[in-house]
Amino acid sequence: MPALSVPVLLWAGREDIDYPSMKSYSEDTGFELLTSDGDHVSTMLEMDDGTKKRLSQFLGGNAG
């Protein structure tokens, strides 16, 4: 993936089992890592405002 010429946003919850490897991969590749509280499921069910805003910005929304 490092050779991609499109925007890449990695996303992981701090309690996800693979969070440490996602963080390391982000640092190695320079891809942005969006980190949220909880694990993957809890984040999808109760997404915090900061995560909503960043996802909207990344997807081209107007979330300020």
C-alpha atoms as a PDB file:
ATOM      1  CA  MET A   1       0.000   0.000   0.000  1.00  0.00           C
ATOM      2  CA  PRO A   2       2.788   2.562   0.499  1.00  0.00           C
ATOM      3  CA  ALA A   3       3.001   3.062  -3.270  1.00  0.00           C
ATOM      4  CA  LEU A   4      -0.637   4.128  -3.570  1.00  0.00           C
ATOM      5  CA  SER A   5      -1.303   7.560  -5.012  1.00  0.00           C
ATOM      6  CA  VAL A   6      -4.640   7.949  -3.254  1.00  0.00           C
ATOM      7  CA  PRO A   7      -5.400   9.184   0.259  1.00  0.00           C
ATOM      8  CA  VAL A   8      -5.201   6.467   2.922  1.00  0.00           C
ATOM      9  CA  LEU A   9      -6.680   6.742   6.390  1.00  0.00           C
ATOM     10  CA  LEU A  10      -6.156   3.872   8.807  1.00  0.00           C
ATOM     11  CA  TRP A  11      -8.624   3.602  11.670  1.00  0.00           C
ATOM     12  CA  ALA A  12      -8.368   1.583  14.856  1.00  0.00           C
ATOM     13  CA  GLY A  13      -9.726   1.645  18.375  1.00  0.00           C
ATOM     14  CA  ARG A  14      -7.239   1.785  21.232  1.00  0.00           C
ATOM     15  CA  GLU A  15      -8.668  -1.464  22.590  1.00  0.00           C
ATOM     16  CA  ASP A  16      -8.510  -3.345  19.259  1.00  0.00           C
ATOM     17  CA  ILE A  17      -6.262  -6.366  19.481  1.00  0.00           C
ATOM     18  CA  ASP A  18      -4.324  -5.193  16.421  1.00  0.00           C
ATOM     19  CA  TYR A  19      -3.987  -1.560  17.533  1.00  0.00           C
ATOM     20  CA  PRO A  20      -0.223  -1.796  18.275  1.00  0.00           C
ATOM     21  CA  SER A  21       0.490  -3.227  14.820  1.00  0.00           C
ATOM     22  CA  MET A  22      -1.754  -0.637  13.121  1.00  0.00           C
ATOM     23  CA  LYS A  23       0.063   2.140  14.967  1.00  0.00           C
ATOM     24  CA  SER A  24       3.422   0.725  13.939  1.00  0.00           C
ATOM     25  CA  TYR A  25       2.281   0.342  10.317  1.00  0.00           C
ATOM     26  CA  SER A  26       1.053   3.928  10.312  1.00  0.00           C
ATOM     27  CA  GLU A  27       4.404   5.162  11.582  1.00  0.00           C
ATOM     28  CA  ASP A  28       6.322   3.031   9.065  1.00  0.00           C
ATOM     29  CA  THR A  29       4.282   4.137   6.044  1.00  0.00           C
ATOM     30  CA  GLY A  30       3.398   7.689   7.026  1.00  0.00           C
ATOM     31  CA  PHE A  31      -0.315   6.937   6.631  1.00  0.00           C
ATOM     32  CA  GLU A  32      -2.552   8.809   9.047  1.00  0.00           C
ATOM     33  CA  LEU A  33      -4.023   6.689  11.831  1.00  0.00           C
ATOM     34  CA  LEU A  34      -7.377   7.786  13.182  1.00  0.00           C
ATOM     35  CA  THR A  35      -7.549   6.468  16.728  1.00  0.00           C
ATOM     36  CA  SER A  36     -10.732   6.273  18.734  1.00  0.00           C
ATOM     37  CA  ASP A  37     -11.716   5.020  22.159  1.00  0.00           C
ATOM     38  CA  GLY A  38     -12.866   1.447  22.598  1.00  0.00           C
ATOM     39  CA  ASP A  39     -12.617  -1.333  20.077  1.00  0.00           C
ATOM     40  CA  HIS A  40     -13.882  -1.580  16.519  1.00  0.00           C
ATOM     41  CA  VAL A  41     -17.445  -2.561  17.418  1.00  0.00           C
ATOM     42  CA  SER A  42     -17.948  -0.044  20.218  1.00  0.00           C
ATOM     43  CA  THR A  43     -16.576   2.743  18.036  1.00  0.00           C
ATOM     44  CA  MET A  44     -19.002   1.931  15.238  1.00  0.00           C
ATOM     45  CA  LEU A  45     -21.934   1.858  17.682  1.00  0.00           C
ATOM     46  CA  GLU A  46     -21.026   5.004  19.638  1.00  0.00           C
ATOM     47  CA  MET A  47     -18.685   7.123  17.544  1.00  0.00           C
ATOM     48  CA  ASP A  48     -17.324  10.224  19.266  1.00  0.00           C
ATOM     49  CA  ASP A  49     -17.636  13.649  17.639  1.00  0.00           C
ATOM     50  CA  GLY A  50     -13.919  13.897  16.808  1.00  0.00           C
ATOM     51  CA  THR A  51     -13.985  10.609  14.906  1.00  0.00           C
ATOM     52  CA  LYS A  52     -17.139  11.618  13.035  1.00  0.00           C
ATOM     53  CA  LYS A  53     -15.566  14.924  12.074  1.00  0.00           C
ATOM     54  CA  ARG A  54     -12.304  13.398  10.817  1.00  0.00           C
ATOM     55  CA  LEU A  55     -14.076  10.687   8.818  1.00  0.00           C
ATOM     56  CA  SER A  56     -16.352  13.293   7.250  1.00  0.00           C
ATOM     57  CA  GLN A  57     -13.347  15.441   6.313  1.00  0.00           C
ATOM     58  CA  PHE A  58     -11.512  12.480   4.821  1.00  0.00           C
ATOM     59  CA  LEU A  59     -14.543  11.425   2.791  1.00  0.00           C
ATOM     60  CA  GLY A  60     -15.031  14.940   1.464  1.00  0.00           C
ATOM     61  CA  GLY A  61     -17.766  16.102   3.771  1.00  0.00           C
ATOM     62  CA  ASN A  62     -18.089  19.546   5.222  1.00  0.00           C
ATOM     63  CA  ALA A  63     -17.611  18.852   8.930  1.00  0.00           C
ATOM     64  CA  GLY A  64     -15.543  21.963   9.544  1.00  0.00           C
END
